[in-house]
Amino acid sequence: MRFKTATSPHILLETSVGQIMRRVLYAMLPGMAALTWFFGWGVLINLVIATVVALAAEALMLAARGKALALHLSDNSALVTAWLLAVALPPLAPWWLTTLGVLFAIVIAKHLYGGLGYNPFNPAMVGYVVLLISFPREMSTWLVPHGVGQVHALGLSNTLTIIFGNGQHLMPDGLTGATSLDVLRTQLGLGRSVTEIRNSPVFGIVAGRGWEWATLGFLVGGLWLVYTRAADWRIPAGMLGGLATIATVFYLIDPQHYAAPWFHVCSGAAIFGAFFIATDPVTASTTPRGRLIYGAGIGILVYIIRAFGGYPDGVAFSVLLMNIAAPTIDLYTQPQVFGARRG
């Protein structure tokens, strides 16, 4: 239950968990539409697979725990987990990869901890990290965006064949490629400058081609969540502010070795993570100051992993690391109780 104030007296919001979760789903639609346009049918197929598996796993776990199916399925939390994970997966991920990730998220990361409200870690990010560590090849097979290669030559029937027939070896090499963050990381390791790397066709005006529009779509949806109070502004502000601040420091030190802050903010899952993942009300910090600190911690960790770690994008790892820190942050950022002395 959410309140308009951190301390009493409280005013109850006229929203339920199910209503808030539905708003999250609605807010994801613009970004998902952009992803579908630039990366093809696989985005929607991943979404369907994840949705079906999540609802089935949720129903089975609720039945095993003796919970009312209609009541708990209507909170839409399983759908949100499924959609968050589906968006993060490569468009041509084999069906079993999506299924495994969703099962791990729902069964292990959510229900084995007690269900909604008791899980210490974001379930979708747990599922994503398990897949990323266990199946790095499948998790790195991305389509080149529309406008760079012939992605739309891969129609619905061919996409279904690849996803359900495990036929990724049938794809022409020209249809697959690295993301902009992958290209940046690899080319920097080869000693090239940021200016030279930016000439690659995978880059657009600000960030990766295609990803810029998806990021804009998720930004619009995220701002709507903040406007409707389905998400608190402090977490995305803290995360994007922390990411931009540390990126600016290194960019000013050496702009030919470190990408500009606007590139980092608009690339990968930064915007998506700030508004849709980090704001998870169960696993995030709950105090006003704590949310800013929590978000800033995620943003700083994202940059550290991108610039110095072993993965091109670090949103999932950063969120899980700050999930661990959230209770401690809340402990030391509790607002002053009315009537208590300072000091």
C-alpha atoms as a PDB file:
ATOM      1  CA  MET A   1       0.000   0.000   0.000  1.00  0.00           C
ATOM      2  CA  ARG A   2       1.397   3.417  -0.948  1.00  0.00           C
ATOM      3  CA  PHE A   3       0.863   6.703   0.879  1.00  0.00           C
ATOM      4  CA  LYS A   4       1.242  10.283  -0.273  1.00  0.00           C
ATOM      5  CA  THR A   5       3.398  11.109   2.752  1.00  0.00           C
ATOM      6  CA  ALA A   6       6.324   9.203   4.249  1.00  0.00           C
ATOM      7  CA  THR A   7       5.023   9.668   7.787  1.00  0.00           C
ATOM      8  CA  SER A   8       1.577   9.991   9.304  1.00  0.00           C
ATOM      9  CA  PRO A   9      -1.001  11.355   8.832  1.00  0.00           C
ATOM     10  CA  HIS A  10      -1.455   9.251   5.686  1.00  0.00           C
ATOM     11  CA  ILE A  11      -3.845   9.749   2.773  1.00  0.00           C
ATOM     12  CA  LEU A  12      -4.643   6.566   0.918  1.00  0.00           C
ATOM     13  CA  LEU A  13      -4.231   6.628  -2.828  1.00  0.00           C
ATOM     14  CA  GLU A  14      -7.262   5.536  -4.809  1.00  0.00           C
ATOM     15  CA  THR A  15      -5.281   2.839  -6.610  1.00  0.00           C
ATOM     16  CA  SER A  16      -4.707  -0.868  -6.143  1.00  0.00           C
ATOM     17  CA  VAL A  17      -1.692  -3.028  -6.949  1.00  0.00           C
ATOM     18  CA  GLY A  18      -3.470  -4.291 -10.057  1.00  0.00           C
ATOM     19  CA  GLN A  19      -4.182  -0.763 -11.286  1.00  0.00           C
ATOM     20  CA  ILE A  20      -0.580   0.339 -10.790  1.00  0.00           C
ATOM     21  CA  MET A  21       0.726  -2.745 -12.577  1.00  0.00           C
ATOM     22  CA  ARG A  22      -1.637  -2.099 -15.489  1.00  0.00           C
ATOM     23  CA  ARG A  23      -0.288   1.429 -15.773  1.00  0.00           C
ATOM     24  CA  VAL A  24       3.222   0.008 -15.979  1.00  0.00           C
ATOM     25  CA  LEU A  25       2.118  -2.277 -18.812  1.00  0.00           C
ATOM     26  CA  TYR A  26       0.446   0.585 -20.660  1.00  0.00           C
ATOM     27  CA  ALA A  27       3.517   2.779 -20.218  1.00  0.00           C
ATOM     28  CA  MET A  28       5.728   0.163 -21.862  1.00  0.00           C
ATOM     29  CA  LEU A  29       3.722   0.119 -25.092  1.00  0.00           C
ATOM     30  CA  PRO A  30       5.390   3.086 -26.907  1.00  0.00           C
ATOM     31  CA  GLY A  31       8.875   1.712 -26.342  1.00  0.00           C
ATOM     32  CA  MET A  32       7.832  -1.799 -27.298  1.00  0.00           C
ATOM     33  CA  ALA A  33       6.259  -0.513 -30.514  1.00  0.00           C
ATOM     34  CA  ALA A  34       9.570   1.139 -31.436  1.00  0.00           C
ATOM     35  CA  LEU A  35      11.514  -2.037 -30.629  1.00  0.00           C
ATOM     36  CA  THR A  36       9.149  -4.067 -32.818  1.00  0.00           C
ATOM     37  CA  TRP A  37       9.557  -1.672 -35.733  1.00  0.00           C
ATOM     38  CA  PHE A  38      13.344  -1.642 -35.589  1.00  0.00           C
ATOM     39  CA  PHE A  39      13.998  -5.264 -34.582  1.00  0.00           C
ATOM     40  CA  GLY A  40      11.122  -7.227 -36.061  1.00  0.00           C
ATOM     41  CA  TRP A  41       8.546  -9.815 -35.022  1.00  0.00           C
ATOM     42  CA  GLY A  42      10.788 -11.458 -32.455  1.00  0.00           C
ATOM     43  CA  VAL A  43      10.028  -8.748 -29.917  1.00  0.00           C
ATOM     44  CA  LEU A  44       6.315  -9.587 -29.935  1.00  0.00           C
ATOM     45  CA  ILE A  45       6.909 -13.342 -30.007  1.00  0.00           C
ATOM     46  CA  ASN A  46       9.147 -13.065 -26.934  1.00  0.00           C
ATOM     47  CA  LEU A  47       6.379 -11.104 -25.271  1.00  0.00           C
ATOM     48  CA  VAL A  48       3.746 -13.760 -25.992  1.00  0.00           C
ATOM     49  CA  ILE A  49       5.963 -16.617 -24.802  1.00  0.00           C
ATOM     50  CA  ALA A  50       6.915 -14.772 -21.617  1.00  0.00           C
ATOM     51  CA  THR A  51       3.295 -13.856 -20.874  1.00  0.00           C
ATOM     52  CA  VAL A  52       1.966 -17.408 -21.280  1.00  0.00           C
ATOM     53  CA  VAL A  53       4.771 -18.973 -19.241  1.00  0.00           C
ATOM     54  CA  ALA A  54       4.538 -16.356 -16.481  1.00  0.00           C
ATOM     55  CA  LEU A  55       0.786 -16.746 -16.026  1.00  0.00           C
ATOM     56  CA  ALA A  56       1.059 -20.552 -16.024  1.00  0.00           C
ATOM     57  CA  ALA A  57       3.940 -20.533 -13.528  1.00  0.00           C
ATOM     58  CA  GLU A  58       2.157 -18.001 -11.322  1.00  0.00           C
ATOM     59  CA  ALA A  59      -1.028 -20.086 -11.295  1.00  0.00           C
ATOM     60  CA  LEU A  60       0.843 -23.307 -10.475  1.00  0.00           C
ATOM     61  CA  MET A  61       2.798 -21.698  -7.635  1.00  0.00           C
ATOM     62  CA  LEU A  62      -0.311 -20.047  -6.204  1.00  0.00           C
ATOM     63  CA  ALA A  63      -2.137 -23.373  -6.280  1.00  0.00           C
ATOM     64  CA  ALA A  64       0.802 -25.137  -4.624  1.00  0.00           C
ATOM     65  CA  ARG A  65       0.849 -22.512  -1.868  1.00  0.00           C
ATOM     66  CA  GLY A  66      -2.917 -22.655  -1.385  1.00  0.00           C
ATOM     67  CA  LYS A  67      -3.524 -19.075  -2.503  1.00  0.00           C
ATOM     68  CA  ALA A  68      -6.641 -17.766  -4.257  1.00  0.00           C
ATOM     69  CA  LEU A  69      -5.868 -17.800  -7.975  1.00  0.00           C
ATOM     70  CA  ALA A  70      -8.287 -15.098  -9.139  1.00  0.00           C
ATOM     71  CA  LEU A  71      -7.243 -12.653  -6.421  1.00  0.00           C
ATOM     72  CA  HIS A  72      -3.499 -12.945  -6.926  1.00  0.00           C
ATOM     73  CA  LEU A  73      -3.476 -13.313 -10.703  1.00  0.00           C
ATOM     74  CA  SER A  74      -5.462 -10.094 -10.990  1.00  0.00           C
ATOM     75  CA  ASP A  75      -2.642  -8.050  -9.434  1.00  0.00           C
ATOM     76  CA  ASN A  76      -0.817  -8.264 -12.817  1.00  0.00           C
ATOM     77  CA  SER A  77       2.584  -8.565 -11.131  1.00  0.00           C
ATOM     78  CA  ALA A  78       3.423 -11.736 -13.098  1.00  0.00           C
ATOM     79  CA  LEU A  79       2.612  -9.925 -16.344  1.00  0.00           C
ATOM     80  CA  VAL A  80       4.907  -7.033 -15.453  1.00  0.00           C
ATOM     81  CA  THR A  81       7.754  -9.442 -14.669  1.00  0.00           C
ATOM     82  CA  ALA A  82       7.179 -11.245 -17.976  1.00  0.00           C
ATOM     83  CA  TRP A  83       7.146  -8.037 -20.030  1.00  0.00           C
ATOM     84  CA  LEU A  84      10.232  -6.590 -18.335  1.00  0.00           C
ATOM     85  CA  LEU A  85      12.190  -9.739 -19.077  1.00  0.00           C
ATOM     86  CA  ALA A  86      10.844 -10.108 -22.623  1.00  0.00           C
ATOM     87  CA  VAL A  87      11.899  -6.573 -23.560  1.00  0.00           C
ATOM     88  CA  ALA A  88      15.422  -7.247 -22.321  1.00  0.00           C
ATOM     89  CA  LEU A  89      15.917 -10.430 -24.352  1.00  0.00           C
ATOM     90  CA  PRO A  90      17.309 -10.558 -27.916  1.00  0.00           C
ATOM     91  CA  PRO A  91      14.527 -10.589 -30.544  1.00  0.00           C
ATOM     92  CA  LEU A  92      15.480 -14.063 -31.794  1.00  0.00           C
ATOM     93  CA  ALA A  93      16.062 -15.710 -28.436  1.00  0.00           C
ATOM     94  CA  PRO A  94      15.056 -19.404 -28.649  1.00  0.00           C
ATOM     95  CA  TRP A  95      11.770 -20.218 -26.942  1.00  0.00           C
ATOM     96  CA  TRP A  96      13.427 -22.299 -24.248  1.00  0.00           C
ATOM     97  CA  LEU A  97      15.644 -19.375 -23.238  1.00  0.00           C
ATOM     98  CA  THR A  98      12.646 -17.106 -22.648  1.00  0.00           C
ATOM     99  CA  THR A  99      10.797 -19.907 -20.870  1.00  0.00           C
ATOM    100  CA  LEU A 100      13.719 -20.680 -18.573  1.00  0.00           C
ATOM    101  CA  GLY A 101      14.239 -17.036 -17.655  1.00  0.00           C
ATOM    102  CA  VAL A 102      10.577 -16.455 -16.836  1.00  0.00           C
ATOM    103  CA  LEU A 103      10.322 -19.683 -14.794  1.00  0.00           C
ATOM    104  CA  PHE A 104      13.380 -18.708 -12.768  1.00  0.00           C
ATOM    105  CA  ALA A 105      11.986 -15.224 -12.191  1.00  0.00           C
ATOM    106  CA  ILE A 106       8.510 -16.354 -11.100  1.00  0.00           C
ATOM    107  CA  VAL A 107       9.265 -19.601  -9.274  1.00  0.00           C
ATOM    108  CA  ILE A 108      12.674 -18.974  -7.699  1.00  0.00           C
ATOM    109  CA  ALA A 109      13.056 -15.199  -7.382  1.00  0.00           C
ATOM    110  CA  LYS A 110       9.438 -14.500  -6.437  1.00  0.00           C
ATOM    111  CA  HIS A 111       7.479 -17.370  -4.928  1.00  0.00           C
ATOM    112  CA  LEU A 112      10.249 -19.219  -3.089  1.00  0.00           C
ATOM    113  CA  TYR A 113      10.790 -15.996  -1.155  1.00  0.00           C
ATOM    114  CA  GLY A 114       7.102 -15.767  -0.236  1.00  0.00           C
ATOM    115  CA  GLY A 115       5.493 -14.131  -3.252  1.00  0.00           C
ATOM    116  CA  LEU A 116       4.738 -10.504  -4.083  1.00  0.00           C
ATOM    117  CA  GLY A 117       5.916  -8.169  -1.342  1.00  0.00           C
ATOM    118  CA  TYR A 118       8.506 -10.552   0.136  1.00  0.00           C
ATOM    119  CA  ASN A 119      11.032 -10.969  -2.677  1.00  0.00           C
ATOM    120  CA  PRO A 120      14.262  -9.059  -1.883  1.00  0.00           C
ATOM    121  CA  PHE A 121      15.421  -8.964  -5.515  1.00  0.00           C
ATOM    122  CA  ASN A 122      13.726  -7.801  -8.689  1.00  0.00           C
ATOM    123  CA  PRO A 123      12.475 -11.100 -10.214  1.00  0.00           C
ATOM    124  CA  ALA A 124      12.823 -10.037 -13.850  1.00  0.00           C
ATOM    125  CA  MET A 125      16.436  -8.980 -13.331  1.00  0.00           C
ATOM    126  CA  VAL A 126      17.247 -12.214 -11.512  1.00  0.00           C
ATOM    127  CA  GLY A 127      15.929 -14.167 -14.488  1.00  0.00           C
ATOM    128  CA  TYR A 128      17.856 -11.967 -16.919  1.00  0.00           C
ATOM    129  CA  VAL A 129      21.162 -12.278 -15.048  1.00  0.00           C
ATOM    130  CA  VAL A 130      20.816 -16.063 -14.799  1.00  0.00           C
ATOM    131  CA  LEU A 131      20.370 -16.245 -18.585  1.00  0.00           C
ATOM    132  CA  LEU A 132      23.182 -13.779 -19.282  1.00  0.00           C
ATOM    133  CA  ILE A 133      25.681 -15.734 -17.202  1.00  0.00           C
ATOM    134  CA  SER A 134      24.529 -19.191 -18.302  1.00  0.00           C
ATOM    135  CA  PHE A 135      23.925 -18.603 -22.026  1.00  0.00           C
ATOM    136  CA  PRO A 136      26.149 -15.716 -23.176  1.00  0.00           C
ATOM    137  CA  ARG A 137      26.052 -16.693 -26.870  1.00  0.00           C
ATOM    138  CA  GLU A 138      22.254 -16.796 -27.100  1.00  0.00           C
ATOM    139  CA  MET A 139      21.963 -13.587 -25.084  1.00  0.00           C
ATOM    140  CA  SER A 140      24.274 -11.691 -27.441  1.00  0.00           C
ATOM    141  CA  THR A 141      22.611 -12.612 -30.753  1.00  0.00           C
ATOM    142  CA  TRP A 142      20.853  -9.351 -31.660  1.00  0.00           C
ATOM    143  CA  LEU A 143      19.355  -8.305 -34.961  1.00  0.00           C
ATOM    144  CA  VAL A 144      20.718  -5.229 -36.659  1.00  0.00           C
ATOM    145  CA  PRO A 145      18.116  -2.439 -36.526  1.00  0.00           C
ATOM    146  CA  HIS A 146      15.911  -1.446 -39.427  1.00  0.00           C
ATOM    147  CA  GLY A 147      17.822   0.975 -41.626  1.00  0.00           C
ATOM    148  CA  VAL A 148      21.187  -0.769 -41.150  1.00  0.00           C
ATOM    149  CA  GLY A 149      20.613  -4.272 -42.473  1.00  0.00           C
ATOM    150  CA  GLN A 150      17.781  -6.285 -43.970  1.00  0.00           C
ATOM    151  CA  VAL A 151      16.001  -7.049 -40.707  1.00  0.00           C
ATOM    152  CA  HIS A 152      12.522  -6.838 -42.251  1.00  0.00           C
ATOM    153  CA  ALA A 153      13.480  -9.489 -44.798  1.00  0.00           C
ATOM    154  CA  LEU A 154      13.106 -11.865 -41.856  1.00  0.00           C
ATOM    155  CA  GLY A 155       9.319 -12.263 -41.880  1.00  0.00           C
ATOM    156  CA  LEU A 156       6.986 -13.718 -39.305  1.00  0.00           C
ATOM    157  CA  SER A 157       7.233 -17.306 -40.524  1.00  0.00           C
ATOM    158  CA  ASN A 158      11.033 -17.252 -40.631  1.00  0.00           C
ATOM    159  CA  THR A 159      11.163 -15.636 -37.203  1.00  0.00           C
ATOM    160  CA  LEU A 160       8.913 -18.358 -35.774  1.00  0.00           C
ATOM    161  CA  THR A 161      11.098 -21.035 -37.376  1.00  0.00           C
ATOM    162  CA  ILE A 162      14.229 -19.590 -35.799  1.00  0.00           C
ATOM    163  CA  ILE A 163      12.710 -19.117 -32.344  1.00  0.00           C
ATOM    164  CA  PHE A 164      10.835 -22.425 -32.069  1.00  0.00           C
ATOM    165  CA  GLY A 165      13.052 -24.514 -34.314  1.00  0.00           C
ATOM    166  CA  ASN A 166      16.314 -23.400 -32.709  1.00  0.00           C
ATOM    167  CA  GLY A 167      17.398 -22.373 -36.180  1.00  0.00           C
ATOM    168  CA  GLN A 168      19.607 -19.403 -35.379  1.00  0.00           C
ATOM    169  CA  HIS A 169      22.272 -21.010 -37.590  1.00  0.00           C
ATOM    170  CA  LEU A 170      19.912 -20.398 -40.537  1.00  0.00           C
ATOM    171  CA  MET A 171      20.189 -16.610 -40.206  1.00  0.00           C
ATOM    172  CA  PRO A 172      22.384 -14.778 -42.727  1.00  0.00           C
ATOM    173  CA  ASP A 173      25.352 -13.126 -41.034  1.00  0.00           C
ATOM    174  CA  GLY A 174      24.166  -9.736 -42.291  1.00  0.00           C
ATOM    175  CA  LEU A 175      21.076  -9.885 -40.081  1.00  0.00           C
ATOM    176  CA  THR A 176      22.907 -10.140 -36.779  1.00  0.00           C
ATOM    177  CA  GLY A 177      25.221  -7.680 -35.148  1.00  0.00           C
ATOM    178  CA  ALA A 178      26.372  -6.116 -31.913  1.00  0.00           C
ATOM    179  CA  THR A 179      24.548  -3.387 -30.024  1.00  0.00           C
ATOM    180  CA  SER A 180      26.041   0.084 -29.839  1.00  0.00           C
ATOM    181  CA  LEU A 181      27.349  -0.564 -26.322  1.00  0.00           C
ATOM    182  CA  ASP A 182      28.993  -3.793 -27.516  1.00  0.00           C
ATOM    183  CA  VAL A 183      30.608  -1.979 -30.443  1.00  0.00           C
ATOM    184  CA  LEU A 184      31.856   0.830 -28.215  1.00  0.00           C
ATOM    185  CA  ARG A 185      33.370  -1.552 -25.690  1.00  0.00           C
ATOM    186  CA  THR A 186      35.016  -3.802 -28.292  1.00  0.00           C
ATOM    187  CA  GLN A 187      36.454  -0.985 -30.386  1.00  0.00           C
ATOM    188  CA  LEU A 188      37.793   0.904 -27.377  1.00  0.00           C
ATOM    189  CA  GLY A 189      39.588  -2.269 -26.398  1.00  0.00           C
ATOM    190  CA  LEU A 190      41.222  -2.244 -29.850  1.00  0.00           C
ATOM    191  CA  GLY A 191      42.603   1.233 -29.240  1.00  0.00           C
ATOM    192  CA  ARG A 192      40.196   3.233 -31.410  1.00  0.00           C
ATOM    193  CA  SER A 193      38.880   6.631 -30.317  1.00  0.00           C
ATOM    194  CA  VAL A 194      35.242   7.404 -29.547  1.00  0.00           C
ATOM    195  CA  THR A 195      35.070   9.719 -32.578  1.00  0.00           C
ATOM    196  CA  GLU A 196      36.215   6.944 -34.901  1.00  0.00           C
ATOM    197  CA  ILE A 197      33.853   4.414 -33.345  1.00  0.00           C
ATOM    198  CA  ARG A 198      30.871   6.747 -33.693  1.00  0.00           C
ATOM    199  CA  ASN A 199      31.205   6.517 -37.491  1.00  0.00           C
ATOM    200  CA  SER A 200      29.838   2.967 -37.358  1.00  0.00           C
ATOM    201  CA  PRO A 201      26.368   2.576 -38.949  1.00  0.00           C
ATOM    202  CA  VAL A 202      24.969   1.099 -35.718  1.00  0.00           C
ATOM    203  CA  PHE A 203      25.107   4.575 -34.150  1.00  0.00           C
ATOM    204  CA  GLY A 204      22.402   7.163 -34.628  1.00  0.00           C
ATOM    205  CA  ILE A 205      22.287  10.812 -33.662  1.00  0.00           C
ATOM    206  CA  VAL A 206      22.767  10.333 -29.931  1.00  0.00           C
ATOM    207  CA  ALA A 207      23.043   6.605 -29.235  1.00  0.00           C
ATOM    208  CA  GLY A 208      22.421   3.336 -31.077  1.00  0.00           C
ATOM    209  CA  ARG A 209      20.273   3.431 -34.208  1.00  0.00           C
ATOM    210  CA  GLY A 210      16.796   2.218 -33.347  1.00  0.00           C
ATOM    211  CA  TRP A 211      17.536   2.210 -29.636  1.00  0.00           C
ATOM    212  CA  GLU A 212      17.155   5.992 -29.586  1.00  0.00           C
ATOM    213  CA  TRP A 213      13.498   5.715 -30.575  1.00  0.00           C
ATOM    214  CA  ALA A 214      12.851   2.876 -28.155  1.00  0.00           C
ATOM    215  CA  THR A 215      14.460   4.950 -25.410  1.00  0.00           C
ATOM    216  CA  LEU A 216      12.233   7.906 -26.330  1.00  0.00           C
ATOM    217  CA  GLY A 217       9.174   5.661 -26.146  1.00  0.00           C
ATOM    218  CA  PHE A 218      10.141   4.344 -22.724  1.00  0.00           C
ATOM    219  CA  LEU A 219      10.905   7.890 -21.559  1.00  0.00           C
ATOM    220  CA  VAL A 220       7.412   9.045 -22.547  1.00  0.00           C
ATOM    221  CA  GLY A 221       5.872   6.069 -20.769  1.00  0.00           C
ATOM    222  CA  GLY A 222       8.076   6.571 -17.728  1.00  0.00           C
ATOM    223  CA  LEU A 223       7.180  10.236 -17.390  1.00  0.00           C
ATOM    224  CA  TRP A 224       3.516   9.244 -17.572  1.00  0.00           C
ATOM    225  CA  LEU A 225       4.086   6.802 -14.697  1.00  0.00           C
ATOM    226  CA  VAL A 226       5.594   9.603 -12.637  1.00  0.00           C
ATOM    227  CA  TYR A 227       2.748  11.956 -13.554  1.00  0.00           C
ATOM    228  CA  THR A 228       0.146   9.401 -12.475  1.00  0.00           C
ATOM    229  CA  ARG A 229       2.125   8.647  -9.288  1.00  0.00           C
ATOM    230  CA  ALA A 230       2.581   5.013 -10.275  1.00  0.00           C
ATOM    231  CA  ALA A 231       6.331   5.616  -9.877  1.00  0.00           C
ATOM    232  CA  ASP A 232       8.262   7.997  -7.657  1.00  0.00           C
ATOM    233  CA  TRP A 233      10.359  10.560  -9.530  1.00  0.00           C
ATOM    234  CA  ARG A 234      13.280  10.325  -7.121  1.00  0.00           C
ATOM    235  CA  ILE A 235      14.540   6.918  -8.244  1.00  0.00           C
ATOM    236  CA  PRO A 236      14.781   7.662 -12.006  1.00  0.00           C
ATOM    237  CA  ALA A 237      16.130  11.135 -11.233  1.00  0.00           C
ATOM    238  CA  GLY A 238      18.762   9.674  -8.935  1.00  0.00           C
ATOM    239  CA  MET A 239      19.727   6.906 -11.354  1.00  0.00           C
ATOM    240  CA  LEU A 240      19.976   9.062 -14.475  1.00  0.00           C
ATOM    241  CA  GLY A 241      21.610  11.859 -12.493  1.00  0.00           C
ATOM    242  CA  GLY A 242      24.206   9.501 -11.014  1.00  0.00           C
ATOM    243  CA  LEU A 243      24.932   7.959 -14.411  1.00  0.00           C
ATOM    244  CA  ALA A 244      25.212  11.344 -16.126  1.00  0.00           C
ATOM    245  CA  THR A 245      27.408  12.814 -13.385  1.00  0.00           C
ATOM    246  CA  ILE A 246      30.056  10.098 -13.362  1.00  0.00           C
ATOM    247  CA  ALA A 247      29.958   9.854 -17.161  1.00  0.00           C
ATOM    248  CA  THR A 248      30.553  13.618 -17.389  1.00  0.00           C
ATOM    249  CA  VAL A 249      33.574  13.414 -15.079  1.00  0.00           C
ATOM    250  CA  PHE A 250      35.301  10.769 -17.196  1.00  0.00           C
ATOM    251  CA  TYR A 251      34.226  12.423 -20.448  1.00  0.00           C
ATOM    252  CA  LEU A 252      35.905  15.657 -19.377  1.00  0.00           C
ATOM    253  CA  ILE A 253      39.047  13.753 -18.426  1.00  0.00           C
ATOM    254  CA  ASP A 254      39.370  11.996 -21.811  1.00  0.00           C
ATOM    255  CA  PRO A 255      36.563  12.465 -24.360  1.00  0.00           C
ATOM    256  CA  GLN A 256      38.286  10.167 -26.876  1.00  0.00           C
ATOM    257  CA  HIS A 257      38.293   7.212 -24.498  1.00  0.00           C
ATOM    258  CA  TYR A 258      35.050   7.761 -22.593  1.00  0.00           C
ATOM    259  CA  ALA A 259      31.722   8.317 -24.323  1.00  0.00           C
ATOM    260  CA  ALA A 260      29.640  11.421 -23.670  1.00  0.00           C
ATOM    261  CA  PRO A 261      27.129  11.379 -20.818  1.00  0.00           C
ATOM    262  CA  TRP A 262      24.169  11.763 -23.189  1.00  0.00           C
ATOM    263  CA  PHE A 263      25.286   8.609 -24.988  1.00  0.00           C
ATOM    264  CA  HIS A 264      25.235   6.620 -21.750  1.00  0.00           C
ATOM    265  CA  VAL A 265      21.870   8.005 -20.661  1.00  0.00           C
ATOM    266  CA  CYS A 266      20.256   7.194 -24.015  1.00  0.00           C
ATOM    267  CA  SER A 267      21.956   3.831 -24.591  1.00  0.00           C
ATOM    268  CA  GLY A 268      21.103   0.336 -23.498  1.00  0.00           C
ATOM    269  CA  ALA A 269      18.601  -0.074 -20.700  1.00  0.00           C
ATOM    270  CA  ALA A 270      19.362   3.171 -18.855  1.00  0.00           C
ATOM    271  CA  ILE A 271      16.021   4.939 -19.420  1.00  0.00           C
ATOM    272  CA  PHE A 272      14.052   1.689 -19.343  1.00  0.00           C
ATOM    273  CA  GLY A 273      15.775   0.630 -16.138  1.00  0.00           C
ATOM    274  CA  ALA A 274      15.346   4.014 -14.465  1.00  0.00           C
ATOM    275  CA  PHE A 275      11.566   4.166 -14.884  1.00  0.00           C
ATOM    276  CA  PHE A 276      10.463   0.532 -15.097  1.00  0.00           C
ATOM    277  CA  ILE A 277      12.989  -1.636 -13.238  1.00  0.00           C
ATOM    278  CA  ALA A 278      14.610   0.430 -10.509  1.00  0.00           C
ATOM    279  CA  THR A 279      11.208   1.767  -9.379  1.00  0.00           C
ATOM    280  CA  ASP A 280       9.936  -1.677  -8.358  1.00  0.00           C
ATOM    281  CA  PRO A 281       8.120  -0.806  -5.090  1.00  0.00           C
ATOM    282  CA  VAL A 282       8.994  -4.112  -3.407  1.00  0.00           C
ATOM    283  CA  THR A 283      12.765  -4.188  -3.884  1.00  0.00           C
ATOM    284  CA  ALA A 284      13.618  -0.464  -4.008  1.00  0.00           C
ATOM    285  CA  SER A 285      14.258   1.972  -1.199  1.00  0.00           C
ATOM    286  CA  THR A 286      11.110   3.444   0.368  1.00  0.00           C
ATOM    287  CA  THR A 287      12.187   6.697   2.035  1.00  0.00           C
ATOM    288  CA  PRO A 288      12.376   9.988   0.081  1.00  0.00           C
ATOM    289  CA  ARG A 289      16.119  10.533   0.586  1.00  0.00           C
ATOM    290  CA  GLY A 290      16.747   6.826   0.322  1.00  0.00           C
ATOM    291  CA  ARG A 291      15.202   6.678  -3.139  1.00  0.00           C
ATOM    292  CA  LEU A 292      17.572   9.351  -4.420  1.00  0.00           C
ATOM    293  CA  ILE A 293      20.567   7.531  -2.932  1.00  0.00           C
ATOM    294  CA  TYR A 294      19.315   4.185  -4.201  1.00  0.00           C
ATOM    295  CA  GLY A 295      18.826   5.522  -7.731  1.00  0.00           C
ATOM    296  CA  ALA A 296      22.185   7.312  -7.754  1.00  0.00           C
ATOM    297  CA  GLY A 297      23.903   4.114  -6.638  1.00  0.00           C
ATOM    298  CA  ILE A 298      22.394   2.217  -9.558  1.00  0.00           C
ATOM    299  CA  GLY A 299      23.460   4.890 -12.036  1.00  0.00           C
ATOM    300  CA  ILE A 300      27.048   4.959 -10.773  1.00  0.00           C
ATOM    301  CA  LEU A 301      27.300   1.166 -10.812  1.00  0.00           C
ATOM    302  CA  VAL A 302      25.922   1.062 -14.365  1.00  0.00           C
ATOM    303  CA  TYR A 303      28.719   3.309 -15.564  1.00  0.00           C
ATOM    304  CA  ILE A 304      31.410   1.413 -13.659  1.00  0.00           C
ATOM    305  CA  ILE A 305      30.296  -1.888 -15.189  1.00  0.00           C
ATOM    306  CA  ARG A 306      30.037  -0.383 -18.681  1.00  0.00           C
ATOM    307  CA  ALA A 307      33.406   1.352 -18.572  1.00  0.00           C
ATOM    308  CA  PHE A 308      35.488  -1.038 -16.484  1.00  0.00           C
ATOM    309  CA  GLY A 309      33.521  -4.273 -16.015  1.00  0.00           C
ATOM    310  CA  GLY A 310      33.015  -7.390 -18.067  1.00  0.00           C
ATOM    311  CA  TYR A 311      29.611  -6.543 -19.586  1.00  0.00           C
ATOM    312  CA  PRO A 312      28.635  -3.770 -22.027  1.00  0.00           C
ATOM    313  CA  ASP A 313      25.492  -2.841 -20.067  1.00  0.00           C
ATOM    314  CA  GLY A 314      25.200  -3.174 -16.311  1.00  0.00           C
ATOM    315  CA  VAL A 315      21.632  -2.195 -15.434  1.00  0.00           C
ATOM    316  CA  ALA A 316      20.534  -5.656 -14.259  1.00  0.00           C
ATOM    317  CA  PHE A 317      23.604  -6.222 -12.088  1.00  0.00           C
ATOM    318  CA  SER A 318      23.411  -2.706 -10.663  1.00  0.00           C
ATOM    319  CA  VAL A 319      19.749  -3.048  -9.722  1.00  0.00           C
ATOM    320  CA  LEU A 320      20.358  -6.360  -7.939  1.00  0.00           C
ATOM    321  CA  LEU A 321      23.360  -4.965  -6.064  1.00  0.00           C
ATOM    322  CA  MET A 322      21.347  -1.980  -4.870  1.00  0.00           C
ATOM    323  CA  ASN A 323      18.438  -4.276  -3.952  1.00  0.00           C
ATOM    324  CA  ILE A 324      20.812  -5.690  -1.340  1.00  0.00           C
ATOM    325  CA  ALA A 325      21.607  -2.198  -0.061  1.00  0.00           C
ATOM    326  CA  ALA A 326      18.009  -0.925   0.005  1.00  0.00           C
ATOM    327  CA  PRO A 327      17.158  -2.030   3.600  1.00  0.00           C
ATOM    328  CA  THR A 328      20.326  -0.402   4.949  1.00  0.00           C
ATOM    329  CA  ILE A 329      19.650   2.797   3.007  1.00  0.00           C
ATOM    330  CA  ASP A 330      16.130   2.919   4.437  1.00  0.00           C
ATOM    331  CA  LEU A 331      17.472   2.352   7.955  1.00  0.00           C
ATOM    332  CA  TYR A 332      19.698   5.430   7.798  1.00  0.00           C
ATOM    333  CA  THR A 333      17.360   7.734   5.870  1.00  0.00           C
ATOM    334  CA  GLN A 334      14.182   7.471   7.919  1.00  0.00           C
ATOM    335  CA  PRO A 335      12.325  10.818   8.036  1.00  0.00           C
ATOM    336  CA  GLN A 336      12.071  12.536  11.371  1.00  0.00           C
ATOM    337  CA  VAL A 337       9.096  11.448  13.462  1.00  0.00           C
ATOM    338  CA  PHE A 338       6.744  14.272  14.406  1.00  0.00           C
ATOM    339  CA  GLY A 339       7.521  15.451  17.928  1.00  0.00           C
ATOM    340  CA  ALA A 340      10.988  13.890  18.058  1.00  0.00           C
ATOM    341  CA  ARG A 341      14.051  15.982  18.761  1.00  0.00           C
ATOM    342  CA  ARG A 342      16.727  16.453  16.164  1.00  0.00           C
ATOM    343  CA  GLY A 343      20.178  15.147  16.755  1.00  0.00           C
END
